[in-house]
Amino acid sequence: MGHLVEVIAKGLVDNPDEVTVNEIEGNQSLIIELKVAQEDMGKVIGKQGRIAKAIRTVVKAAATKQNKRVVVEIIQ
């Protein structure tokens, strides 16, 4: 899951080298923390959070196969 978020984020930003993804796994859930460069925050979040919502939707759809709950957090 983390790799999927990383690939999507690197395609959106101007500084792909500064994209980091951290996975925190629990019993029934998975938290994916996404960090990007400060100047790329707007590109990952999008207008009114539309891009962030789309990323979460894609990851949630991929997670249904594994019967896990996935939370994507964008960290400043």
Protein backbone atom coordinates (compact mmCIF):
# COMPACT_ATOMS: atom_id res chain seq x y z
CA MET A 1 0.00 0.00 0.00
CA GLY A 2 2.76 2.41 0.90
CA HIS A 3 4.42 1.88 -2.45
CA LEU A 4 1.18 2.80 -4.23
CA VAL A 5 0.95 6.09 -2.30
CA GLU A 6 4.62 6.80 -3.00
CA VAL A 7 4.24 6.28 -6.76
CA ILE A 8 1.17 8.53 -6.91
CA ALA A 9 2.81 11.27 -4.82
CA LYS A 10 6.06 11.23 -6.80
CA GLY A 11 4.07 11.73 -9.99
CA LEU A 12 2.41 14.85 -8.58
CA VAL A 13 5.28 16.77 -6.98
CA ASP A 14 8.20 18.84 -8.30
CA ASN A 15 10.67 17.31 -5.78
CA PRO A 16 10.12 13.52 -5.96
CA ASP A 17 13.31 12.87 -3.96
CA GLU A 18 11.73 14.47 -0.89
CA VAL A 19 8.70 12.14 -0.85
CA THR A 20 8.77 9.75 2.11
CA VAL A 21 6.17 7.18 3.07
CA ASN A 22 5.98 5.52 6.47
CA GLU A 23 3.68 2.57 7.20
CA ILE A 24 2.39 1.86 10.71
CA GLU A 25 0.63 -1.50 10.82
CA GLY A 26 -1.92 -2.60 13.39
CA ASN A 27 -4.13 -5.68 13.70
CA GLN A 28 -7.00 -4.48 11.51
CA SER A 29 -5.66 -1.20 10.19
CA LEU A 30 -2.74 0.37 8.38
CA ILE A 31 -1.70 4.01 8.72
CA ILE A 32 0.28 5.46 5.83
CA GLU A 33 2.10 8.71 6.57
CA LEU A 34 3.04 10.77 3.52
CA LYS A 35 5.62 13.56 3.75
CA VAL A 36 6.46 15.88 0.87
CA ALA A 37 8.45 19.11 0.52
CA GLN A 38 6.66 22.17 1.89
CA GLU A 39 6.33 23.76 -1.57
CA ASP A 40 4.69 20.56 -2.90
CA MET A 41 1.97 20.39 -0.23
CA GLY A 42 -0.58 22.15 -2.43
CA LYS A 43 0.02 19.73 -5.28
CA VAL A 44 -0.63 16.69 -3.07
CA ILE A 45 -3.67 18.15 -1.30
CA GLY A 46 -5.22 19.90 -4.30
CA LYS A 47 -8.02 22.44 -4.41
CA GLN A 48 -10.43 21.82 -1.53
CA GLY A 49 -8.57 18.56 -0.80
CA ARG A 50 -9.69 16.84 -3.98
CA ILE A 51 -6.37 15.19 -4.83
CA ALA A 52 -5.86 14.00 -1.24
CA LYS A 53 -9.37 12.55 -1.28
CA ALA A 54 -8.67 10.79 -4.59
CA ILE A 55 -5.46 9.26 -3.21
CA ARG A 56 -7.37 8.00 -0.16
CA THR A 57 -10.11 6.54 -2.39
CA VAL A 58 -7.62 4.62 -4.56
CA VAL A 59 -5.78 3.24 -1.52
CA LYS A 60 -9.05 2.29 0.18
CA ALA A 61 -10.14 0.40 -2.94
CA ALA A 62 -6.82 -1.48 -3.06
CA ALA A 63 -7.08 -2.30 0.66
CA THR A 64 -10.47 -3.99 0.38
CA LYS A 65 -8.77 -7.07 -1.09
CA GLN A 66 -6.76 -7.45 2.12
CA ASN A 67 -9.73 -6.74 4.42
CA LYS A 68 -7.81 -3.93 6.10
CA ARG A 69 -8.73 -0.38 7.00
CA VAL A 70 -6.23 2.09 5.60
CA VAL A 71 -5.74 5.69 6.71
CA VAL A 72 -3.59 8.04 4.63
CA GLU A 73 -2.19 11.00 6.57
CA ILE A 74 -0.41 13.86 4.86
CA ILE A 75 2.17 15.27 7.28
CA GLN A 76 3.73 18.72 7.05
